[in-house]
């Protein structure tokens, strides 16, 4: 028999003997189970005390003045619909959100302030800064992204003080405004692209052009 074959058979025989010895050792150490072992009794949990009429009256009195209230999130930022920076002042930036109004920064984005949170709608589709007067800002309410969760608006807004206050300038039936372009030298002339109702035909949709700033 070749030497390598003998070594292989010797290794297998040794491994079988070791495995057999380990099995006998485990059987020898296993203790027989006691037949007289009795089950351990478990304690029965005590029943909860029944509510008394006095407890019911106290609970009703304590909760009588409580009312449910909405705690949000109601005006989450959601999608970003537009970003506009003031010409000549890139540190002043306006951001329009789909459901959280307009945010403004004057330090290049280090900190932000919500400037469109007191109006009747929180959704913004587009904003435009007047090239001739950066204090005049137009904002179209109602995001124009056609999806099942799109929020609608109630027209176009205008600010004369860089977003501190806003005034609704009409086009209340547009619902979703996608784009606003302000005349380069006349801030009272704007072009407004409105999508209209996203889920129904008709309505106030198309391109409008106010020429008197209102």
N, C-alpha and C. Protein backbone atom coordinates (compact mmCIF):
# COMPACT_ATOMS: atom_id res chain seq x y z
N UNK A 1 0.86 -1.20 0.00
CA UNK A 1 0.00 0.00 0.00
C UNK A 1 0.89 1.24 0.00
N UNK A 2 0.56 2.25 -0.82
CA UNK A 2 1.39 3.47 -0.85
C UNK A 2 1.40 4.17 0.49
N UNK A 3 2.48 4.93 0.74
CA UNK A 3 2.64 5.59 2.04
C UNK A 3 1.53 6.62 2.30
N UNK A 4 1.17 7.44 1.28
CA UNK A 4 0.14 8.46 1.50
C UNK A 4 -1.22 7.84 1.78
N UNK A 5 -1.51 6.68 1.17
CA UNK A 5 -2.79 6.02 1.42
C UNK A 5 -2.84 5.46 2.83
N UNK A 6 -1.69 4.89 3.31
CA UNK A 6 -1.65 4.40 4.70
C UNK A 6 -1.90 5.53 5.71
N UNK A 7 -1.27 6.67 5.43
CA UNK A 7 -1.44 7.81 6.36
C UNK A 7 -2.90 8.27 6.40
N UNK A 8 -3.55 8.22 5.26
CA UNK A 8 -4.96 8.66 5.20
C UNK A 8 -5.84 7.72 6.00
N UNK A 9 -5.62 6.39 5.84
CA UNK A 9 -6.43 5.44 6.58
C UNK A 9 -6.15 5.53 8.09
N UNK A 10 -4.90 5.75 8.45
CA UNK A 10 -4.56 5.88 9.87
C UNK A 10 -5.25 7.09 10.49
N UNK A 11 -5.30 8.21 9.75
CA UNK A 11 -5.94 9.43 10.26
C UNK A 11 -7.44 9.21 10.44
N UNK A 12 -8.07 8.52 9.48
CA UNK A 12 -9.50 8.29 9.59
C UNK A 12 -9.81 7.37 10.77
N UNK A 13 -9.00 6.36 10.98
CA UNK A 13 -9.23 5.44 12.11
C UNK A 13 -9.09 6.17 13.44
N UNK A 14 -8.05 7.00 13.56
CA UNK A 14 -7.85 7.77 14.79
C UNK A 14 -9.02 8.71 15.05
N UNK A 15 -9.54 9.38 14.00
CA UNK A 15 -10.65 10.31 14.16
C UNK A 15 -11.92 9.58 14.61
N UNK A 16 -12.13 8.35 14.06
CA UNK A 16 -13.31 7.57 14.45
C UNK A 16 -13.23 7.16 15.91
N UNK A 17 -12.03 6.76 16.38
CA UNK A 17 -11.87 6.37 17.77
C UNK A 17 -12.12 7.55 18.71
N UNK A 18 -11.60 8.73 18.35
CA UNK A 18 -11.83 9.91 19.19
C UNK A 18 -13.30 10.27 19.26
N UNK A 19 -14.01 10.20 18.14
CA UNK A 19 -15.44 10.52 18.13
C UNK A 19 -16.23 9.53 18.95
N UNK A 20 -15.87 8.23 18.89
CA UNK A 20 -16.56 7.22 19.67
C UNK A 20 -16.32 7.42 21.16
N UNK A 21 -15.07 7.78 21.53
CA UNK A 21 -14.78 8.01 22.94
C UNK A 21 -15.53 9.21 23.49
N UNK A 22 -15.65 10.27 22.70
CA UNK A 22 -16.39 11.45 23.16
C UNK A 22 -17.86 11.13 23.37
N UNK A 23 -18.43 10.26 22.54
CA UNK A 23 -19.84 9.90 22.69
C UNK A 23 -20.07 9.13 23.98
N UNK A 24 -19.18 8.18 24.28
CA UNK A 24 -19.32 7.41 25.53
C UNK A 24 -19.16 8.32 26.74
N UNK A 25 -18.27 9.31 26.65
CA UNK A 25 -18.05 10.22 27.79
C UNK A 25 -19.29 11.04 28.08
N UNK A 26 -19.96 11.49 27.03
CA UNK A 26 -21.20 12.28 27.22
C UNK A 26 -22.29 11.42 27.84
N UNK A 27 -22.40 10.16 27.41
CA UNK A 27 -23.43 9.29 27.96
C UNK A 27 -23.17 8.99 29.42
N UNK A 28 -21.88 8.86 29.78
CA UNK A 28 -21.55 8.55 31.17
C UNK A 28 -21.84 9.71 32.10
N UNK A 29 -21.70 10.95 31.60
CA UNK A 29 -21.91 12.12 32.45
C UNK A 29 -23.38 12.49 32.57
N UNK A 30 -24.24 12.01 31.70
CA UNK A 30 -25.66 12.38 31.74
C UNK A 30 -26.33 11.70 32.92
N UNK A 31 -27.01 12.46 33.72
CA UNK A 31 -27.67 11.96 34.91
C UNK A 31 -29.10 11.57 34.57
N UNK A 32 -29.56 10.47 35.14
CA UNK A 32 -30.96 10.08 34.89
C UNK A 32 -31.93 11.08 35.52
N UNK A 33 -33.00 11.27 34.82
CA UNK A 33 -34.01 12.20 35.33
C UNK A 33 -34.78 11.57 36.48
N UNK A 34 -35.08 12.38 37.47
CA UNK A 34 -35.80 11.88 38.63
C UNK A 34 -37.27 11.71 38.28
N UNK A 35 -37.80 10.54 38.63
CA UNK A 35 -39.21 10.28 38.36
C UNK A 35 -40.11 10.92 39.39
N UNK A 36 -39.54 11.25 40.57
CA UNK A 36 -40.36 11.79 41.66
C UNK A 36 -40.41 13.31 41.65
N UNK A 37 -39.84 13.94 40.62
CA UNK A 37 -39.80 15.40 40.60
C UNK A 37 -41.20 15.96 40.39
N UNK A 38 -41.60 16.87 41.25
CA UNK A 38 -42.93 17.45 41.18
C UNK A 38 -42.88 18.81 40.51
N UNK A 39 -43.92 19.15 39.76
CA UNK A 39 -43.92 20.48 39.12
C UNK A 39 -43.97 21.60 40.14
N UNK A 40 -43.26 22.67 39.84
CA UNK A 40 -43.22 23.83 40.72
C UNK A 40 -44.49 24.64 40.55
N UNK A 41 -45.11 24.95 41.63
CA UNK A 41 -46.35 25.74 41.57
C UNK A 41 -46.03 27.19 41.26
N UNK A 42 -46.81 27.78 40.39
CA UNK A 42 -46.63 29.20 40.03
C UNK A 42 -47.70 30.04 40.70
N UNK A 43 -47.31 31.24 41.07
CA UNK A 43 -48.24 32.12 41.77
C UNK A 43 -49.24 32.70 40.79
N UNK A 44 -50.48 32.72 41.15
CA UNK A 44 -51.54 33.29 40.31
C UNK A 44 -51.57 34.80 40.49
N UNK A 45 -51.47 35.57 39.38
CA UNK A 45 -51.48 37.03 39.53
C UNK A 45 -52.79 37.52 40.12
N UNK A 46 -52.64 38.52 40.96
CA UNK A 46 -53.82 39.06 41.61
C UNK A 46 -54.66 39.86 40.62
N UNK A 47 -55.93 39.76 40.73
CA UNK A 47 -56.84 40.48 39.84
C UNK A 47 -56.80 41.96 40.14
N UNK A 48 -56.90 42.76 39.07
CA UNK A 48 -56.89 44.22 39.25
C UNK A 48 -58.16 44.66 39.96
N UNK A 49 -58.01 45.61 40.86
CA UNK A 49 -59.21 46.07 41.59
C UNK A 49 -60.19 46.75 40.65
N UNK A 50 -61.43 46.49 40.86
CA UNK A 50 -62.48 47.10 40.03
C UNK A 50 -62.56 48.59 40.30
N UNK A 51 -62.82 49.34 39.21
CA UNK A 51 -62.93 50.79 39.35
C UNK A 51 -64.19 51.15 40.11
N UNK A 52 -64.02 52.01 41.07
CA UNK A 52 -65.17 52.42 41.87
C UNK A 52 -65.85 53.62 41.22
N UNK A 53 -67.09 53.89 41.54
CA UNK A 53 -67.78 55.07 40.99
C UNK A 53 -67.05 56.37 41.28
N UNK A 54 -66.39 56.44 42.45
CA UNK A 54 -65.65 57.66 42.79
C UNK A 54 -64.46 57.85 41.85
N UNK A 55 -63.79 56.73 41.50
CA UNK A 55 -62.67 56.83 40.58
C UNK A 55 -63.14 57.29 39.20
N UNK A 56 -64.27 56.79 38.73
CA UNK A 56 -64.82 57.21 37.44
C UNK A 56 -65.14 58.70 37.45
N UNK A 57 -65.72 59.19 38.50
CA UNK A 57 -66.06 60.60 38.58
C UNK A 57 -64.80 61.47 38.60
N UNK A 58 -63.77 61.01 39.31
CA UNK A 58 -62.53 61.78 39.37
C UNK A 58 -61.86 61.84 38.00
N UNK A 59 -61.87 60.72 37.27
CA UNK A 59 -61.27 60.69 35.93
C UNK A 59 -62.03 61.62 34.98
N UNK A 60 -63.34 61.57 35.02
CA UNK A 60 -64.15 62.42 34.16
C UNK A 60 -63.94 63.90 34.48
N UNK A 61 -63.80 64.21 35.75
CA UNK A 61 -63.58 65.61 36.14
C UNK A 61 -62.22 66.10 35.68
N UNK A 62 -61.21 65.21 35.72
CA UNK A 62 -59.86 65.62 35.34
C UNK A 62 -59.72 65.79 33.84
N UNK A 63 -60.50 65.05 33.05
CA UNK A 63 -60.37 65.10 31.59
C UNK A 63 -61.47 65.92 30.92
N UNK A 64 -62.37 66.48 31.67
CA UNK A 64 -63.49 67.21 31.07
C UNK A 64 -63.03 68.42 30.27
N UNK A 65 -61.97 69.08 30.73
CA UNK A 65 -61.51 70.29 30.05
C UNK A 65 -60.49 70.06 28.97
N UNK A 66 -60.11 68.80 28.74
CA UNK A 66 -59.10 68.51 27.72
C UNK A 66 -59.71 68.43 26.33
N UNK A 67 -59.00 68.96 25.34
CA UNK A 67 -59.46 68.92 23.96
C UNK A 67 -58.30 68.50 23.06
N UNK A 68 -58.62 67.77 22.00
CA UNK A 68 -57.59 67.39 21.02
C UNK A 68 -57.19 68.63 20.22
N UNK A 69 -55.91 68.73 19.93
CA UNK A 69 -55.42 69.84 19.12
C UNK A 69 -54.35 69.34 18.15
N UNK A 70 -54.25 69.99 17.00
CA UNK A 70 -53.27 69.62 15.99
C UNK A 70 -51.88 70.09 16.42
N UNK A 71 -50.94 69.16 16.44
CA UNK A 71 -49.57 69.52 16.82
C UNK A 71 -48.58 69.29 15.69
N UNK A 72 -49.09 68.99 14.49
CA UNK A 72 -48.23 68.92 13.31
C UNK A 72 -47.74 67.52 13.00
N UNK A 73 -46.87 67.39 12.00
CA UNK A 73 -46.39 68.51 11.17
C UNK A 73 -47.45 68.95 10.17
N UNK A 74 -47.76 70.25 10.16
CA UNK A 74 -48.79 70.78 9.28
C UNK A 74 -48.20 71.56 8.12
N UNK A 75 -47.11 72.26 8.32
CA UNK A 75 -46.49 73.05 7.25
C UNK A 75 -45.05 72.60 7.05
N UNK A 76 -44.90 71.32 6.71
CA UNK A 76 -43.55 70.80 6.47
C UNK A 76 -42.99 71.41 5.18
N UNK A 77 -41.67 71.51 5.11
CA UNK A 77 -41.04 72.11 3.94
C UNK A 77 -41.28 71.33 2.67
N UNK A 78 -41.11 70.00 2.76
CA UNK A 78 -41.36 69.18 1.60
C UNK A 78 -40.42 69.49 0.45
N UNK A 79 -40.97 69.54 -0.76
CA UNK A 79 -40.15 69.77 -1.95
C UNK A 79 -39.75 71.24 -2.08
N UNK A 80 -38.60 71.48 -2.68
CA UNK A 80 -38.13 72.84 -2.98
C UNK A 80 -38.56 73.17 -4.41
N UNK A 81 -39.38 74.20 -4.56
CA UNK A 81 -39.91 74.55 -5.88
C UNK A 81 -39.10 75.62 -6.59
N UNK A 82 -38.43 76.49 -5.83
CA UNK A 82 -37.68 77.56 -6.49
C UNK A 82 -36.65 78.13 -5.53
N UNK A 83 -35.53 78.59 -6.10
CA UNK A 83 -34.48 79.28 -5.34
C UNK A 83 -34.09 80.53 -6.12
N UNK A 84 -34.14 81.67 -5.47
CA UNK A 84 -33.79 82.94 -6.12
C UNK A 84 -32.85 83.73 -5.23
N UNK A 85 -31.78 84.26 -5.83
CA UNK A 85 -30.83 85.12 -5.12
C UNK A 85 -30.95 86.54 -5.64
N UNK A 86 -30.74 87.51 -4.77
CA UNK A 86 -30.84 88.91 -5.16
C UNK A 86 -29.68 89.27 -6.10
N UNK A 87 -29.96 89.84 -7.25
CA UNK A 87 -28.87 90.24 -8.16
C UNK A 87 -27.91 91.22 -7.49
N UNK A 88 -26.64 90.94 -7.53
CA UNK A 88 -25.65 91.79 -6.90
C UNK A 88 -25.44 91.50 -5.42
N UNK A 89 -26.28 90.64 -4.83
CA UNK A 89 -26.15 90.30 -3.41
C UNK A 89 -26.42 88.81 -3.26
N UNK A 90 -25.48 87.95 -3.62
CA UNK A 90 -25.72 86.50 -3.59
C UNK A 90 -25.91 85.91 -2.20
N UNK A 91 -25.65 86.68 -1.16
CA UNK A 91 -25.86 86.18 0.20
C UNK A 91 -27.33 86.25 0.61
N UNK A 92 -28.13 87.02 -0.12
CA UNK A 92 -29.56 87.10 0.17
C UNK A 92 -30.29 86.18 -0.80
N UNK A 93 -30.89 85.13 -0.23
CA UNK A 93 -31.51 84.08 -1.03
C UNK A 93 -32.92 83.80 -0.52
N UNK A 94 -33.83 83.57 -1.45
CA UNK A 94 -35.20 83.18 -1.14
C UNK A 94 -35.42 81.75 -1.64
N UNK A 95 -36.08 80.93 -0.81
CA UNK A 95 -36.36 79.55 -1.18
C UNK A 95 -37.86 79.30 -1.04
N UNK A 96 -38.49 78.86 -2.13
CA UNK A 96 -39.92 78.55 -2.13
C UNK A 96 -40.11 77.05 -1.92
N UNK A 97 -40.95 76.69 -0.97
CA UNK A 97 -41.20 75.27 -0.68
C UNK A 97 -42.61 74.88 -1.07
N UNK A 98 -42.79 73.57 -1.27
CA UNK A 98 -44.08 73.07 -1.74
C UNK A 98 -45.16 73.16 -0.67
N UNK A 99 -44.78 73.12 0.59
CA UNK A 99 -45.80 73.14 1.64
C UNK A 99 -45.35 73.86 2.89
N UNK A 100 -44.29 74.67 2.81
CA UNK A 100 -43.79 75.34 4.01
C UNK A 100 -43.50 76.81 3.83
N UNK A 101 -44.16 77.45 2.83
CA UNK A 101 -43.97 78.89 2.65
C UNK A 101 -42.65 79.24 1.99
N UNK A 102 -42.12 80.40 2.36
CA UNK A 102 -40.87 80.92 1.79
C UNK A 102 -39.87 81.14 2.91
N UNK A 103 -38.64 80.72 2.68
CA UNK A 103 -37.56 80.95 3.63
C UNK A 103 -36.57 81.95 3.02
N UNK A 104 -35.94 82.72 3.91
CA UNK A 104 -35.00 83.75 3.45
C UNK A 104 -33.73 83.70 4.30
N UNK A 105 -32.59 83.88 3.64
CA UNK A 105 -31.32 84.03 4.33
C UNK A 105 -30.62 85.27 3.82
N UNK A 106 -29.94 85.97 4.72
CA UNK A 106 -29.17 87.15 4.34
C UNK A 106 -27.68 86.95 4.61
N UNK A 107 -27.30 85.72 5.00
CA UNK A 107 -25.90 85.44 5.28
C UNK A 107 -25.41 84.22 4.50
N UNK A 108 -25.94 84.05 3.32
CA UNK A 108 -25.47 82.97 2.46
C UNK A 108 -25.89 81.58 2.88
N UNK A 109 -26.93 81.45 3.69
CA UNK A 109 -27.43 80.14 4.08
C UNK A 109 -27.01 79.68 5.46
N UNK A 110 -26.28 80.51 6.21
CA UNK A 110 -25.89 80.12 7.57
C UNK A 110 -27.12 79.99 8.47
N UNK A 111 -28.08 80.89 8.32
CA UNK A 111 -29.33 80.82 9.07
C UNK A 111 -30.48 81.23 8.15
N UNK A 112 -31.68 80.73 8.47
CA UNK A 112 -32.85 80.96 7.63
C UNK A 112 -34.02 81.46 8.47
N UNK A 113 -34.89 82.25 7.85
CA UNK A 113 -36.09 82.76 8.50
C UNK A 113 -37.28 82.50 7.60
N UNK A 114 -38.35 81.99 8.17
CA UNK A 114 -39.58 81.79 7.40
C UNK A 114 -40.29 83.14 7.28
N UNK A 115 -40.57 83.57 6.05
CA UNK A 115 -41.16 84.89 5.84
C UNK A 115 -42.55 84.80 5.20
N UNK A 116 -43.03 83.58 4.96
CA UNK A 116 -44.37 83.43 4.38
C UNK A 116 -45.11 82.35 5.17
N UNK A 117 -45.43 82.68 6.43
CA UNK A 117 -46.10 81.72 7.29
C UNK A 117 -47.35 82.28 7.96
N UNK A 118 -47.75 83.49 7.58
CA UNK A 118 -48.96 84.08 8.15
C UNK A 118 -50.06 84.24 7.11
N UNK A 119 -49.85 83.69 5.93
CA UNK A 119 -50.85 83.79 4.87
C UNK A 119 -51.80 82.59 4.95
N UNK A 120 -52.84 82.62 4.13
CA UNK A 120 -53.87 81.58 4.21
C UNK A 120 -53.45 80.28 3.53
N UNK A 121 -52.37 80.28 2.75
CA UNK A 121 -51.87 79.06 2.10
C UNK A 121 -50.36 78.98 2.34
N UNK A 122 -49.82 77.77 2.50
CA UNK A 122 -48.38 77.62 2.72
C UNK A 122 -47.61 77.16 1.50
N UNK A 123 -48.31 76.85 0.41
CA UNK A 123 -47.65 76.26 -0.76
C UNK A 123 -47.24 77.34 -1.75
N UNK A 124 -46.00 77.26 -2.23
CA UNK A 124 -45.46 78.23 -3.19
C UNK A 124 -44.96 77.47 -4.42
N UNK A 125 -45.39 77.93 -5.60
CA UNK A 125 -44.94 77.32 -6.83
C UNK A 125 -43.73 78.01 -7.44
N UNK A 126 -43.64 79.36 -7.28
CA UNK A 126 -42.51 80.08 -7.86
C UNK A 126 -42.42 81.46 -7.22
N UNK A 127 -41.20 82.00 -7.18
CA UNK A 127 -40.98 83.36 -6.70
C UNK A 127 -40.12 84.09 -7.73
N UNK A 128 -40.26 85.43 -7.76
CA UNK A 128 -39.48 86.24 -8.70
C UNK A 128 -39.12 87.55 -8.03
N UNK A 129 -37.85 87.92 -8.13
CA UNK A 129 -37.35 89.18 -7.58
C UNK A 129 -37.28 90.20 -8.71
N UNK A 130 -37.78 91.38 -8.44
CA UNK A 130 -37.74 92.42 -9.46
C UNK A 130 -36.29 92.83 -9.74
N UNK A 131 -35.84 92.76 -10.99
CA UNK A 131 -34.46 93.15 -11.30
C UNK A 131 -34.18 94.63 -11.04
N UNK A 132 -35.21 95.47 -11.16
CA UNK A 132 -35.00 96.91 -10.97
C UNK A 132 -35.16 97.35 -9.53
N UNK A 133 -35.80 96.54 -8.69
CA UNK A 133 -36.01 96.88 -7.29
C UNK A 133 -36.10 95.57 -6.50
N UNK A 134 -35.00 95.11 -5.89
CA UNK A 134 -35.00 93.82 -5.19
C UNK A 134 -35.90 93.76 -3.97
N UNK A 135 -36.43 94.89 -3.51
CA UNK A 135 -37.38 94.87 -2.40
C UNK A 135 -38.75 94.38 -2.84
N UNK A 136 -39.01 94.40 -4.14
CA UNK A 136 -40.31 93.94 -4.67
C UNK A 136 -40.16 92.48 -5.10
N UNK A 137 -40.97 91.64 -4.50
CA UNK A 137 -40.92 90.20 -4.75
C UNK A 137 -42.34 89.72 -5.09
N UNK A 138 -42.44 88.90 -6.12
CA UNK A 138 -43.70 88.26 -6.48
C UNK A 138 -43.61 86.79 -6.12
N UNK A 139 -44.70 86.24 -5.59
CA UNK A 139 -44.75 84.83 -5.21
C UNK A 139 -46.05 84.22 -5.70
N UNK A 140 -45.93 83.14 -6.46
CA UNK A 140 -47.11 82.43 -6.92
C UNK A 140 -47.42 81.26 -6.01
N UNK A 141 -48.61 81.24 -5.47
CA UNK A 141 -48.97 80.18 -4.53
C UNK A 141 -49.48 78.95 -5.28
N UNK A 142 -49.29 77.79 -4.64
CA UNK A 142 -49.70 76.52 -5.23
C UNK A 142 -48.60 75.90 -6.05
N UNK A 143 -48.00 74.82 -5.54
CA UNK A 143 -46.92 74.18 -6.28
C UNK A 143 -47.46 73.59 -7.58
N UNK A 144 -46.62 73.56 -8.60
CA UNK A 144 -47.05 73.10 -9.92
C UNK A 144 -46.63 71.68 -10.23
N UNK A 145 -46.07 70.97 -9.25
CA UNK A 145 -45.70 69.58 -9.47
C UNK A 145 -46.96 68.72 -9.48
N UNK A 146 -47.22 68.06 -10.60
CA UNK A 146 -48.45 67.28 -10.74
C UNK A 146 -48.28 65.92 -10.08
N UNK A 147 -48.76 65.82 -8.86
CA UNK A 147 -48.70 64.57 -8.11
C UNK A 147 -49.88 64.50 -7.17
N UNK A 148 -50.10 63.33 -6.55
CA UNK A 148 -51.29 63.16 -5.74
C UNK A 148 -51.27 63.98 -4.45
N UNK A 149 -50.10 64.44 -4.03
CA UNK A 149 -50.00 65.19 -2.78
C UNK A 149 -49.69 66.67 -3.01
N UNK A 150 -49.93 67.16 -4.21
CA UNK A 150 -49.65 68.58 -4.48
C UNK A 150 -50.62 69.48 -3.72
N UNK A 151 -50.07 70.57 -3.17
CA UNK A 151 -50.89 71.54 -2.45
C UNK A 151 -51.25 72.69 -3.37
N UNK A 152 -52.46 73.21 -3.27
CA UNK A 152 -52.90 74.29 -4.14
C UNK A 152 -52.86 75.63 -3.42
N UNK A 153 -52.91 76.68 -4.20
CA UNK A 153 -52.84 78.03 -3.64
C UNK A 153 -54.06 78.85 -3.97
N UNK A 154 -53.96 80.14 -3.73
CA UNK A 154 -55.09 81.05 -3.97
C UNK A 154 -54.64 82.33 -4.67
N UNK A 155 -53.72 82.18 -5.61
CA UNK A 155 -53.35 83.35 -6.41
C UNK A 155 -51.91 83.77 -6.24
N UNK A 156 -51.64 85.01 -6.65
CA UNK A 156 -50.28 85.54 -6.65
C UNK A 156 -50.15 86.61 -5.56
N UNK A 157 -49.00 86.64 -4.93
CA UNK A 157 -48.73 87.58 -3.84
C UNK A 157 -47.58 88.51 -4.23
N UNK A 158 -47.58 89.68 -3.58
CA UNK A 158 -46.54 90.66 -3.84
C UNK A 158 -46.06 91.26 -2.53
N UNK A 159 -44.75 91.46 -2.43
CA UNK A 159 -44.16 92.11 -1.26
C UNK A 159 -43.38 93.33 -1.72
N UNK A 160 -43.58 94.44 -1.00
CA UNK A 160 -42.87 95.68 -1.30
C UNK A 160 -41.68 95.91 -0.37
N UNK A 161 -41.53 95.03 0.63
CA UNK A 161 -40.49 95.24 1.65
C UNK A 161 -39.61 94.01 1.83
N UNK A 162 -39.24 93.38 0.75
CA UNK A 162 -38.32 92.23 0.76
C UNK A 162 -38.83 91.06 1.58
N UNK A 163 -40.14 90.84 1.55
CA UNK A 163 -40.72 89.67 2.19
C UNK A 163 -41.22 89.86 3.60
N UNK A 164 -41.16 91.06 4.14
CA UNK A 164 -41.65 91.27 5.51
C UNK A 164 -43.17 91.16 5.56
N UNK A 165 -43.84 91.72 4.56
CA UNK A 165 -45.30 91.64 4.47
C UNK A 165 -45.68 91.26 3.05
N UNK A 166 -46.88 90.67 2.91
CA UNK A 166 -47.35 90.20 1.61
C UNK A 166 -48.79 90.64 1.38
N UNK A 167 -49.13 90.82 0.11
CA UNK A 167 -50.49 91.19 -0.27
C UNK A 167 -50.91 90.32 -1.45
N UNK A 168 -52.12 89.76 -1.34
CA UNK A 168 -52.65 88.96 -2.44
C UNK A 168 -53.09 89.89 -3.56
N UNK A 169 -52.56 89.65 -4.78
CA UNK A 169 -52.80 90.53 -5.90
C UNK A 169 -53.79 89.94 -6.92
N UNK A 170 -54.44 88.85 -6.56
CA UNK A 170 -55.45 88.28 -7.45
C UNK A 170 -55.04 86.96 -8.06
N UNK A 171 -55.70 86.62 -9.19
CA UNK A 171 -55.53 85.33 -9.87
C UNK A 171 -55.84 84.18 -8.90
N UNK A 172 -56.91 84.37 -8.15
CA UNK A 172 -57.23 83.41 -7.09
C UNK A 172 -57.64 82.04 -7.62
N UNK A 173 -58.08 81.96 -8.88
CA UNK A 173 -58.52 80.68 -9.42
C UNK A 173 -57.43 79.89 -10.12
N UNK A 174 -56.21 80.38 -10.10
CA UNK A 174 -55.13 79.67 -10.80
C UNK A 174 -54.73 78.38 -10.10
N UNK A 175 -54.83 78.33 -8.80
CA UNK A 175 -54.56 77.15 -7.96
C UNK A 175 -53.08 76.75 -7.94
N UNK A 176 -52.42 76.68 -9.11
CA UNK A 176 -51.02 76.24 -9.16
C UNK A 176 -50.27 77.14 -10.14
N UNK A 177 -49.32 77.92 -9.62
CA UNK A 177 -48.53 78.84 -10.45
C UNK A 177 -47.13 78.27 -10.61
N UNK A 178 -46.73 78.07 -11.87
CA UNK A 178 -45.46 77.41 -12.15
C UNK A 178 -44.31 78.38 -12.39
N UNK A 179 -44.59 79.58 -12.92
CA UNK A 179 -43.47 80.47 -13.27
C UNK A 179 -43.94 81.92 -13.25
N UNK A 180 -43.05 82.81 -12.76
CA UNK A 180 -43.29 84.25 -12.77
C UNK A 180 -42.05 84.92 -13.33
N UNK A 181 -42.25 85.85 -14.26
CA UNK A 181 -41.16 86.63 -14.82
C UNK A 181 -41.51 88.10 -14.65
N UNK A 182 -40.59 88.87 -14.06
CA UNK A 182 -40.82 90.30 -13.83
C UNK A 182 -40.08 91.09 -14.91
N UNK A 183 -40.72 92.16 -15.38
CA UNK A 183 -40.12 93.03 -16.39
C UNK A 183 -38.78 93.57 -15.87
N UNK A 184 -37.76 93.65 -16.70
CA UNK A 184 -36.42 94.08 -16.22
C UNK A 184 -36.36 95.50 -15.67
N UNK A 185 -37.24 96.39 -16.11
CA UNK A 185 -37.18 97.78 -15.63
C UNK A 185 -38.47 98.25 -14.97
N UNK A 186 -39.57 97.53 -15.17
CA UNK A 186 -40.86 97.93 -14.60
C UNK A 186 -41.37 96.81 -13.70
N UNK A 187 -41.27 96.95 -12.39
CA UNK A 187 -41.68 95.88 -11.48
C UNK A 187 -43.17 95.64 -11.43
N UNK A 188 -43.97 96.53 -12.07
CA UNK A 188 -45.42 96.34 -12.09
C UNK A 188 -45.88 95.43 -13.22
N UNK A 189 -44.98 95.11 -14.13
CA UNK A 189 -45.33 94.25 -15.26
C UNK A 189 -44.73 92.86 -15.03
N UNK A 190 -45.60 91.87 -15.00
CA UNK A 190 -45.16 90.50 -14.77
C UNK A 190 -45.89 89.55 -15.70
N UNK A 191 -45.24 88.44 -15.98
CA UNK A 191 -45.86 87.35 -16.73
C UNK A 191 -46.02 86.17 -15.77
N UNK A 192 -47.22 85.62 -15.72
CA UNK A 192 -47.54 84.56 -14.77
C UNK A 192 -48.03 83.34 -15.53
N UNK A 193 -47.33 82.22 -15.39
CA UNK A 193 -47.74 80.96 -16.02
C UNK A 193 -48.46 80.11 -14.98
N UNK A 194 -49.76 79.88 -15.21
CA UNK A 194 -50.58 79.14 -14.26
C UNK A 194 -51.01 77.81 -14.85
N UNK A 195 -50.90 76.77 -14.05
CA UNK A 195 -51.30 75.43 -14.49
C UNK A 195 -52.79 75.23 -14.35
N UNK A 196 -53.40 75.89 -13.38
CA UNK A 196 -54.81 75.65 -13.11
C UNK A 196 -55.00 74.40 -12.26
N UNK A 197 -56.23 73.91 -12.22
CA UNK A 197 -56.54 72.71 -11.43
C UNK A 197 -55.82 71.49 -12.00
N UNK A 198 -55.06 70.81 -11.16
CA UNK A 198 -54.30 69.66 -11.63
C UNK A 198 -55.17 68.43 -11.87
N UNK A 199 -56.36 68.41 -11.29
CA UNK A 199 -57.17 67.19 -11.33
C UNK A 199 -58.52 67.39 -12.01
N UNK A 200 -58.72 68.53 -12.67
CA UNK A 200 -60.01 68.77 -13.33
C UNK A 200 -59.80 69.69 -14.53
N UNK A 201 -60.64 69.60 -15.54
CA UNK A 201 -60.51 70.48 -16.70
C UNK A 201 -61.00 71.89 -16.39
N UNK A 202 -60.67 72.81 -17.28
CA UNK A 202 -61.13 74.19 -17.12
C UNK A 202 -60.38 74.94 -16.04
N UNK A 203 -60.98 76.00 -15.56
CA UNK A 203 -60.35 76.80 -14.52
C UNK A 203 -59.49 77.91 -15.11
N UNK A 204 -58.84 78.64 -14.24
CA UNK A 204 -58.02 79.78 -14.65
C UNK A 204 -56.59 79.30 -14.89
N UNK A 205 -56.30 78.94 -16.13
CA UNK A 205 -54.97 78.46 -16.48
C UNK A 205 -54.49 79.18 -17.74
N UNK A 206 -53.18 79.18 -17.92
CA UNK A 206 -52.58 79.87 -19.06
C UNK A 206 -51.56 80.89 -18.59
N UNK A 207 -51.30 81.91 -19.44
CA UNK A 207 -50.34 82.96 -19.12
C UNK A 207 -51.08 84.28 -18.92
N UNK A 208 -50.89 84.88 -17.76
CA UNK A 208 -51.50 86.19 -17.44
C UNK A 208 -50.40 87.24 -17.39
N UNK A 209 -50.80 88.50 -17.72
CA UNK A 209 -49.84 89.59 -17.71
C UNK A 209 -50.44 90.83 -17.06
N UNK A 210 -50.30 90.95 -15.75
CA UNK A 210 -50.69 92.21 -15.11
C UNK A 210 -49.70 93.32 -15.49
N UNK A 211 -50.22 94.48 -15.79
CA UNK A 211 -49.36 95.58 -16.22
C UNK A 211 -49.41 96.77 -15.29
N UNK A 212 -50.19 96.69 -14.22
CA UNK A 212 -50.30 97.81 -13.31
C UNK A 212 -49.89 97.44 -11.88
N UNK A 213 -49.22 96.31 -11.75
CA UNK A 213 -48.72 95.92 -10.44
C UNK A 213 -49.78 95.35 -9.52
N UNK A 214 -50.98 95.12 -10.05
CA UNK A 214 -52.06 94.57 -9.22
C UNK A 214 -53.09 93.85 -10.07
